[in-house]
PDB file of all heavy atoms in Angstrom:
ATOM      1  N   TRP A   1       8.468 -25.749 -21.880  1.00  0.00           N
ATOM      2  CA  TRP A   1       8.302 -26.524 -23.106  1.00  0.00           C
ATOM      3  C   TRP A   1       6.895 -27.117 -23.142  1.00  0.00           C
ATOM      4  O   TRP A   1       6.473 -27.772 -22.193  1.00  0.00           O
ATOM      5  CB  TRP A   1       9.335 -27.641 -23.178  1.00  0.00           C
ATOM      6  CG  TRP A   1       9.234 -28.483 -24.405  1.00  0.00           C
ATOM      7  CD1 TRP A   1       8.746 -29.748 -24.499  1.00  0.00           C
ATOM      8  CD2 TRP A   1       9.623 -28.112 -25.722  1.00  0.00           C
ATOM      9  NE1 TRP A   1       8.802 -30.198 -25.781  1.00  0.00           N
ATOM     10  CE2 TRP A   1       9.340 -29.203 -26.571  1.00  0.00           C
ATOM     11  CE3 TRP A   1      10.188 -26.962 -26.280  1.00  0.00           C
ATOM     12  CZ2 TRP A   1       9.603 -29.194 -27.942  1.00  0.00           C
ATOM     13  CZ3 TRP A   1      10.449 -26.938 -27.652  1.00  0.00           C
ATOM     14  CH2 TRP A   1      10.153 -28.037 -28.460  1.00  0.00           C
ATOM     15  N   LEU A   2       6.181 -26.854 -24.219  1.00  0.00           N
ATOM     16  CA  LEU A   2       4.825 -27.374 -24.405  1.00  0.00           C
ATOM     17  C   LEU A   2       4.921 -28.636 -25.253  1.00  0.00           C
ATOM     18  O   LEU A   2       4.925 -28.589 -26.496  1.00  0.00           O
ATOM     19  CB  LEU A   2       3.937 -26.320 -25.076  1.00  0.00           C
ATOM     20  CG  LEU A   2       3.897 -24.947 -24.378  1.00  0.00           C
ATOM     21  CD1 LEU A   2       3.051 -23.944 -25.162  1.00  0.00           C
ATOM     22  CD2 LEU A   2       3.380 -25.083 -22.949  1.00  0.00           C
ATOM     23  N   ALA A   3       5.046 -29.767 -24.544  1.00  0.00           N
ATOM     24  CA  ALA A   3       5.328 -31.034 -25.240  1.00  0.00           C
ATOM     25  C   ALA A   3       4.265 -31.373 -26.270  1.00  0.00           C
ATOM     26  O   ALA A   3       4.574 -31.845 -27.368  1.00  0.00           O
ATOM     27  CB  ALA A   3       5.464 -32.158 -24.219  1.00  0.00           C
ATOM     28  N   GLY A   4       2.995 -31.126 -25.920  1.00  0.00           N
ATOM     29  CA  GLY A   4       1.922 -31.467 -26.844  1.00  0.00           C
ATOM     30  C   GLY A   4       1.965 -30.670 -28.135  1.00  0.00           C
ATOM     31  O   GLY A   4       1.411 -31.099 -29.156  1.00  0.00           O
ATOM     32  N   GLN A   5       2.608 -29.505 -28.082  1.00  0.00           N
ATOM     33  CA  GLN A   5       2.677 -28.652 -29.269  1.00  0.00           C
ATOM     34  C   GLN A   5       4.091 -28.598 -29.852  1.00  0.00           C
ATOM     35  O   GLN A   5       4.344 -27.897 -30.829  1.00  0.00           O
ATOM     36  CB  GLN A   5       2.206 -27.234 -28.928  1.00  0.00           C
ATOM     37  CG  GLN A   5       0.781 -27.194 -28.375  1.00  0.00           C
ATOM     38  CD  GLN A   5       0.352 -25.787 -27.986  1.00  0.00           C
ATOM     39  OE1 GLN A   5       0.586 -24.820 -28.723  1.00  0.00           O
ATOM     40  NE2 GLN A   5      -0.270 -25.664 -26.822  1.00  0.00           N
ATOM     41  N   HIS A   6       5.006 -29.339 -29.221  1.00  0.00           N
ATOM     42  CA  HIS A   6       6.404 -29.411 -29.673  1.00  0.00           C
ATOM     43  C   HIS A   6       7.038 -28.027 -29.830  1.00  0.00           C
ATOM     44  O   HIS A   6       7.709 -27.732 -30.821  1.00  0.00           O
ATOM     45  CB  HIS A   6       6.491 -30.178 -31.006  1.00  0.00           C
ATOM     46  CG  HIS A   6       5.883 -31.542 -30.956  1.00  0.00           C
ATOM     47  ND1 HIS A   6       6.466 -32.591 -30.273  1.00  0.00           N
ATOM     48  CD2 HIS A   6       4.716 -32.021 -31.472  1.00  0.00           C
ATOM     49  CE1 HIS A   6       5.709 -33.667 -30.378  1.00  0.00           C
ATOM     50  NE2 HIS A   6       4.628 -33.345 -31.097  1.00  0.00           N
ATOM     51  N   ARG A   7       6.840 -27.191 -28.834  1.00  0.00           N
ATOM     52  CA  ARG A   7       7.429 -25.852 -28.873  1.00  0.00           C
ATOM     53  C   ARG A   7       7.500 -25.284 -27.458  1.00  0.00           C
ATOM     54  O   ARG A   7       6.859 -25.793 -26.532  1.00  0.00           O
ATOM     55  CB  ARG A   7       6.597 -24.914 -29.757  1.00  0.00           C
ATOM     56  CG  ARG A   7       5.194 -24.644 -29.216  1.00  0.00           C
ATOM     57  CD  ARG A   7       4.435 -23.651 -30.085  1.00  0.00           C
ATOM     58  NE  ARG A   7       3.090 -23.405 -29.576  1.00  0.00           N
ATOM     59  CZ  ARG A   7       2.788 -22.486 -28.646  1.00  0.00           C
ATOM     60  NH1 ARG A   7       3.763 -21.744 -28.109  1.00  0.00           N
ATOM     61  NH2 ARG A   7       1.550 -22.319 -28.233  1.00  0.00           N
ATOM     62  N   ALA A   8       8.280 -24.225 -27.336  1.00  0.00           N
ATOM     63  CA  ALA A   8       8.348 -23.511 -26.065  1.00  0.00           C
ATOM     64  C   ALA A   8       7.278 -22.425 -26.039  1.00  0.00           C
ATOM     65  O   ALA A   8       6.743 -22.014 -27.081  1.00  0.00           O
ATOM     66  CB  ALA A   8       9.728 -22.884 -25.895  1.00  0.00           C
ATOM     67  N   GLU A   9       6.979 -21.955 -24.829  1.00  0.00           N
ATOM     68  CA  GLU A   9       6.035 -20.850 -24.685  1.00  0.00           C
ATOM     69  C   GLU A   9       6.508 -19.625 -25.452  1.00  0.00           C
ATOM     70  O   GLU A   9       7.708 -19.353 -25.526  1.00  0.00           O
ATOM     71  CB  GLU A   9       5.909 -20.438 -23.202  1.00  0.00           C
ATOM     72  CG  GLU A   9       5.174 -21.406 -22.312  1.00  0.00           C
ATOM     73  CD  GLU A   9       5.189 -20.941 -20.861  1.00  0.00           C
ATOM     74  OE1 GLU A   9       6.271 -20.513 -20.400  1.00  0.00           O
ATOM     75  OE2 GLU A   9       4.137 -21.015 -20.203  1.00  0.00           O
ATOM     76  N   THR A  10       5.565 -18.882 -25.976  1.00  0.00           N
ATOM     77  CA  THR A  10       5.899 -17.565 -26.510  1.00  0.00           C
ATOM     78  C   THR A  10       6.056 -16.593 -25.349  1.00  0.00           C
ATOM     79  O   THR A  10       5.701 -16.905 -24.197  1.00  0.00           O
ATOM     80  CB  THR A  10       4.788 -17.064 -27.431  1.00  0.00           C
ATOM     81  OG1 THR A  10       3.588 -16.880 -26.649  1.00  0.00           O
ATOM     82  CG2 THR A  10       4.507 -18.051 -28.562  1.00  0.00           C
ATOM     83  N   THR A  11       6.571 -15.406 -25.652  1.00  0.00           N
ATOM     84  CA  THR A  11       6.687 -14.381 -24.614  1.00  0.00           C
ATOM     85  C   THR A  11       5.330 -14.072 -24.003  1.00  0.00           C
ATOM     86  O   THR A  11       5.198 -13.971 -22.774  1.00  0.00           O
ATOM     87  CB  THR A  11       7.305 -13.102 -25.204  1.00  0.00           C
ATOM     88  OG1 THR A  11       8.656 -13.367 -25.579  1.00  0.00           O
ATOM     89  CG2 THR A  11       7.272 -11.956 -24.194  1.00  0.00           C
ATOM     90  N   ALA A  12       4.311 -13.946 -24.834  1.00  0.00           N
ATOM     91  CA  ALA A  12       2.969 -13.630 -24.322  1.00  0.00           C
ATOM     92  C   ALA A  12       2.451 -14.741 -23.421  1.00  0.00           C
ATOM     93  O   ALA A  12       1.843 -14.476 -22.369  1.00  0.00           O
ATOM     94  CB  ALA A  12       2.008 -13.403 -25.493  1.00  0.00           C
ATOM     95  N   GLU A  13       2.695 -15.996 -23.787  1.00  0.00           N
ATOM     96  CA  GLU A  13       2.231 -17.121 -22.958  1.00  0.00           C
ATOM     97  C   GLU A  13       2.995 -17.182 -21.643  1.00  0.00           C
ATOM     98  O   GLU A  13       2.412 -17.434 -20.578  1.00  0.00           O
ATOM     99  CB  GLU A  13       2.396 -18.430 -23.737  1.00  0.00           C
ATOM    100  CG  GLU A  13       1.408 -18.575 -24.886  1.00  0.00           C
ATOM    101  CD  GLU A  13       1.756 -19.739 -25.796  1.00  0.00           C
ATOM    102  OE1 GLU A  13       2.972 -20.086 -25.903  1.00  0.00           O
ATOM    103  OE2 GLU A  13       0.842 -20.306 -26.406  1.00  0.00           O
ATOM    104  N   TYR A  14       4.307 -16.976 -21.731  1.00  0.00           N
ATOM    105  CA  TYR A  14       5.121 -16.973 -20.520  1.00  0.00           C
ATOM    106  C   TYR A  14       4.659 -15.870 -19.570  1.00  0.00           C
ATOM    107  O   TYR A  14       4.458 -16.100 -18.375  1.00  0.00           O
ATOM    108  CB  TYR A  14       6.584 -16.771 -20.905  1.00  0.00           C
ATOM    109  CG  TYR A  14       7.492 -16.389 -19.754  1.00  0.00           C
ATOM    110  CD1 TYR A  14       7.917 -17.330 -18.825  1.00  0.00           C
ATOM    111  CD2 TYR A  14       7.923 -15.063 -19.595  1.00  0.00           C
ATOM    112  CE1 TYR A  14       8.754 -16.972 -17.771  1.00  0.00           C
ATOM    113  CE2 TYR A  14       8.757 -14.703 -18.556  1.00  0.00           C
ATOM    114  CZ  TYR A  14       9.168 -15.655 -17.647  1.00  0.00           C
ATOM    115  OH  TYR A  14       9.980 -15.301 -16.598  1.00  0.00           O
ATOM    116  N   GLN A  15       4.472 -14.655 -20.083  1.00  0.00           N
ATOM    117  CA  GLN A  15       4.063 -13.545 -19.229  1.00  0.00           C
ATOM    118  C   GLN A  15       2.660 -13.744 -18.667  1.00  0.00           C
ATOM    119  O   GLN A  15       2.393 -13.362 -17.525  1.00  0.00           O
ATOM    120  CB  GLN A  15       4.164 -12.232 -20.010  1.00  0.00           C
ATOM    121  CG  GLN A  15       5.604 -11.822 -20.290  1.00  0.00           C
ATOM    122  CD  GLN A  15       5.704 -10.483 -20.973  1.00  0.00           C
ATOM    123  OE1 GLN A  15       4.953 -10.187 -21.906  1.00  0.00           O
ATOM    124  NE2 GLN A  15       6.645  -9.654 -20.526  1.00  0.00           N
ATOM    125  N   ARG A  16       1.788 -14.360 -19.445  1.00  0.00           N
ATOM    126  CA  ARG A  16       0.449 -14.636 -18.936  1.00  0.00           C
ATOM    127  C   ARG A  16       0.511 -15.619 -17.764  1.00  0.00           C
ATOM    128  O   ARG A  16      -0.208 -15.480 -16.774  1.00  0.00           O
ATOM    129  CB  ARG A  16      -0.434 -15.182 -20.064  1.00  0.00           C
ATOM    130  CG  ARG A  16      -1.886 -15.381 -19.656  1.00  0.00           C
ATOM    131  CD  ARG A  16      -2.812 -15.492 -20.868  1.00  0.00           C
ATOM    132  NE  ARG A  16      -2.386 -16.516 -21.813  1.00  0.00           N
ATOM    133  CZ  ARG A  16      -1.929 -16.252 -23.044  1.00  0.00           C
ATOM    134  NH1 ARG A  16      -1.812 -15.001 -23.473  1.00  0.00           N
ATOM    135  NH2 ARG A  16      -1.588 -17.248 -23.843  1.00  0.00           N
ATOM    136  N   ARG A  17       1.394 -16.615 -17.861  1.00  0.00           N
ATOM    137  CA  ARG A  17       1.553 -17.584 -16.763  1.00  0.00           C
ATOM    138  C   ARG A  17       2.085 -16.899 -15.509  1.00  0.00           C
ATOM    139  O   ARG A  17       1.583 -17.141 -14.397  1.00  0.00           O
ATOM    140  CB  ARG A  17       2.488 -18.709 -17.210  1.00  0.00           C
ATOM    141  CG  ARG A  17       2.831 -19.710 -16.106  1.00  0.00           C
ATOM    142  CD  ARG A  17       3.464 -20.970 -16.664  1.00  0.00           C
ATOM    143  NE  ARG A  17       4.703 -20.734 -17.386  1.00  0.00           N
ATOM    144  CZ  ARG A  17       5.905 -20.605 -16.819  1.00  0.00           C
ATOM    145  NH1 ARG A  17       6.019 -20.654 -15.491  1.00  0.00           N
ATOM    146  NH2 ARG A  17       6.990 -20.415 -17.554  1.00  0.00           N
ATOM    147  N   ILE A  18       3.094 -16.058 -15.671  1.00  0.00           N
ATOM    148  CA  ILE A  18       3.663 -15.353 -14.517  1.00  0.00           C
ATOM    149  C   ILE A  18       2.630 -14.411 -13.905  1.00  0.00           C
ATOM    150  O   ILE A  18       2.498 -14.322 -12.679  1.00  0.00           O
ATOM    151  CB  ILE A  18       4.918 -14.568 -14.931  1.00  0.00           C
ATOM    152  CG1 ILE A  18       5.999 -15.519 -15.473  1.00  0.00           C
ATOM    153  CG2 ILE A  18       5.457 -13.766 -13.744  1.00  0.00           C
ATOM    154  CD1 ILE A  18       6.394 -16.624 -14.534  1.00  0.00           C
ATOM    155  N   ARG A  19       1.887 -13.728 -14.745  1.00  0.00           N
ATOM    156  CA  ARG A  19       0.862 -12.817 -14.248  1.00  0.00           C
ATOM    157  C   ARG A  19      -0.184 -13.595 -13.441  1.00  0.00           C
ATOM    158  O   ARG A  19      -0.687 -13.118 -12.420  1.00  0.00           O
ATOM    159  CB  ARG A  19       0.206 -12.072 -15.414  1.00  0.00           C
ATOM    160  CG  ARG A  19      -0.672 -10.903 -14.985  1.00  0.00           C
ATOM    161  CD  ARG A  19      -1.133 -10.092 -16.185  1.00  0.00           C
ATOM    162  NE  ARG A  19      -0.012  -9.412 -16.839  1.00  0.00           N
ATOM    163  CZ  ARG A  19       0.493  -9.746 -18.023  1.00  0.00           C
ATOM    164  NH1 ARG A  19      -0.025 -10.753 -18.709  1.00  0.00           N
ATOM    165  NH2 ARG A  19       1.518  -9.071 -18.524  1.00  0.00           N
ATOM    166  N   GLY A  20      -0.495 -14.805 -13.887  1.00  0.00           N
ATOM    167  CA  GLY A  20      -1.446 -15.637 -13.151  1.00  0.00           C
ATOM    168  C   GLY A  20      -0.940 -15.997 -11.763  1.00  0.00           C
ATOM    169  O   GLY A  20      -1.706 -16.024 -10.798  1.00  0.00           O
ATOM    170  N   VAL A  21       0.382 -16.275 -11.658  1.00  0.00           N
ATOM    171  CA  VAL A  21       0.982 -16.576 -10.350  1.00  0.00           C
ATOM    172  C   VAL A  21       0.853 -15.373  -9.424  1.00  0.00           C
ATOM    173  O   VAL A  21       0.433 -15.498  -8.258  1.00  0.00           O
ATOM    174  CB  VAL A  21       2.458 -16.984 -10.510  1.00  0.00           C
ATOM    175  CG1 VAL A  21       3.124 -17.093  -9.147  1.00  0.00           C
ATOM    176  CG2 VAL A  21       2.568 -18.306 -11.260  1.00  0.00           C
ATOM    177  N   LEU A  22       1.212 -14.193  -9.917  1.00  0.00           N
ATOM    178  CA  LEU A  22       1.126 -12.982  -9.102  1.00  0.00           C
ATOM    179  C   LEU A  22      -0.307 -12.685  -8.694  1.00  0.00           C
ATOM    180  O   LEU A  22      -0.580 -12.344  -7.542  1.00  0.00           O
ATOM    181  CB  LEU A  22       1.702 -11.793  -9.876  1.00  0.00           C
ATOM    182  CG  LEU A  22       3.224 -11.747 -10.028  1.00  0.00           C
ATOM    183  CD1 LEU A  22       3.620 -10.689 -11.047  1.00  0.00           C
ATOM    184  CD2 LEU A  22       3.895 -11.477  -8.699  1.00  0.00           C
ATOM    185  N   ASP A  23      -1.226 -12.816  -9.635  1.00  0.00           N
ATOM    186  CA  ASP A  23      -2.641 -12.544  -9.335  1.00  0.00           C
ATOM    187  C   ASP A  23      -3.162 -13.502  -8.277  1.00  0.00           C
ATOM    188  O   ASP A  23      -3.902 -13.105  -7.369  1.00  0.00           O
ATOM    189  CB  ASP A  23      -3.491 -12.666 -10.603  1.00  0.00           C
ATOM    190  CG  ASP A  23      -3.287 -11.508 -11.562  1.00  0.00           C
ATOM    191  OD1 ASP A  23      -2.738 -10.470 -11.133  1.00  0.00           O
ATOM    192  OD2 ASP A  23      -3.678 -11.633 -12.745  1.00  0.00           O
ATOM    193  N   SER A  24      -2.786 -14.766  -8.380  1.00  0.00           N
ATOM    194  CA  SER A  24      -3.260 -15.764  -7.422  1.00  0.00           C
ATOM    195  C   SER A  24      -2.744 -15.475  -6.013  1.00  0.00           C
ATOM    196  O   SER A  24      -3.505 -15.541  -5.027  1.00  0.00           O
ATOM    197  CB  SER A  24      -2.813 -17.163  -7.869  1.00  0.00           C
ATOM    198  OG  SER A  24      -3.168 -18.139  -6.910  1.00  0.00           O
ATOM    199  N   GLU A  25      -1.454 -15.125  -5.893  1.00  0.00           N
ATOM    200  CA  GLU A  25      -0.892 -14.847  -4.569  1.00  0.00           C
ATOM    201  C   GLU A  25      -1.469 -13.558  -3.985  1.00  0.00           C
ATOM    202  O   GLU A  25      -1.762 -13.485  -2.788  1.00  0.00           O
ATOM    203  CB  GLU A  25       0.632 -14.774  -4.648  1.00  0.00           C
ATOM    204  CG  GLU A  25       1.284 -16.115  -4.984  1.00  0.00           C
ATOM    205  CD  GLU A  25       2.652 -16.275  -4.358  1.00  0.00           C
ATOM    206  OE1 GLU A  25       2.878 -15.714  -3.266  1.00  0.00           O
ATOM    207  OE2 GLU A  25       3.492 -16.978  -4.951  1.00  0.00           O
ATOM    208  N   ALA A  26      -1.646 -12.542  -4.836  1.00  0.00           N
ATOM    209  CA  ALA A  26      -2.247 -11.293  -4.354  1.00  0.00           C
ATOM    210  C   ALA A  26      -3.680 -11.528  -3.896  1.00  0.00           C
ATOM    211  O   ALA A  26      -4.126 -10.941  -2.900  1.00  0.00           O
ATOM    212  CB  ALA A  26      -2.205 -10.234  -5.457  1.00  0.00           C
ATOM    213  N   ALA A  27      -4.407 -12.385  -4.600  1.00  0.00           N
ATOM    214  CA  ALA A  27      -5.782 -12.704  -4.201  1.00  0.00           C
ATOM    215  C   ALA A  27      -5.802 -13.431  -2.858  1.00  0.00           C
ATOM    216  O   ALA A  27      -6.688 -13.196  -2.026  1.00  0.00           O
ATOM    217  CB  ALA A  27      -6.457 -13.551  -5.275  1.00  0.00           C
ATOM    218  N   ASP A  28      -4.822 -14.320  -2.628  1.00  0.00           N
ATOM    219  CA  ASP A  28      -4.721 -14.996  -1.326  1.00  0.00           C
ATOM    220  C   ASP A  28      -4.529 -13.978  -0.209  1.00  0.00           C
ATOM    221  O   ASP A  28      -5.145 -14.084   0.861  1.00  0.00           O
ATOM    222  CB  ASP A  28      -3.546 -15.983  -1.325  1.00  0.00           C
ATOM    223  CG  ASP A  28      -3.897 -17.315  -1.956  1.00  0.00           C
ATOM    224  OD1 ASP A  28      -5.094 -17.564  -2.176  1.00  0.00           O
ATOM    225  OD2 ASP A  28      -2.972 -18.107  -2.234  1.00  0.00           O
ATOM    226  N   LEU A  29      -3.652 -13.006  -0.438  1.00  0.00           N
ATOM    227  CA  LEU A  29      -3.434 -11.968   0.569  1.00  0.00           C
ATOM    228  C   LEU A  29      -4.730 -11.195   0.835  1.00  0.00           C
ATOM    229  O   LEU A  29      -5.083 -10.940   1.989  1.00  0.00           O
ATOM    230  CB  LEU A  29      -2.343 -11.000   0.112  1.00  0.00           C
ATOM    231  CG  LEU A  29      -0.894 -11.498   0.148  1.00  0.00           C
ATOM    232  CD1 LEU A  29       0.041 -10.417  -0.368  1.00  0.00           C
ATOM    233  CD2 LEU A  29      -0.485 -11.904   1.560  1.00  0.00           C
ATOM    234  N   ALA A  30      -5.422 -10.815  -0.228  1.00  0.00           N
ATOM    235  CA  ALA A  30      -6.649 -10.035  -0.073  1.00  0.00           C
ATOM    236  C   ALA A  30      -7.709 -10.819   0.691  1.00  0.00           C
ATOM    237  O   ALA A  30      -8.420 -10.259   1.534  1.00  0.00           O
ATOM    238  CB  ALA A  30      -7.176  -9.628  -1.446  1.00  0.00           C
TER     239      ALA A  30
END
């Protein structure tokens, strides 16, 4: 929930956040 915008994430925003988590962990491994 994006309180400042009074709405939930869109699918694109949600997937971008998850992709960021995966990218960050993969970068740690590398």
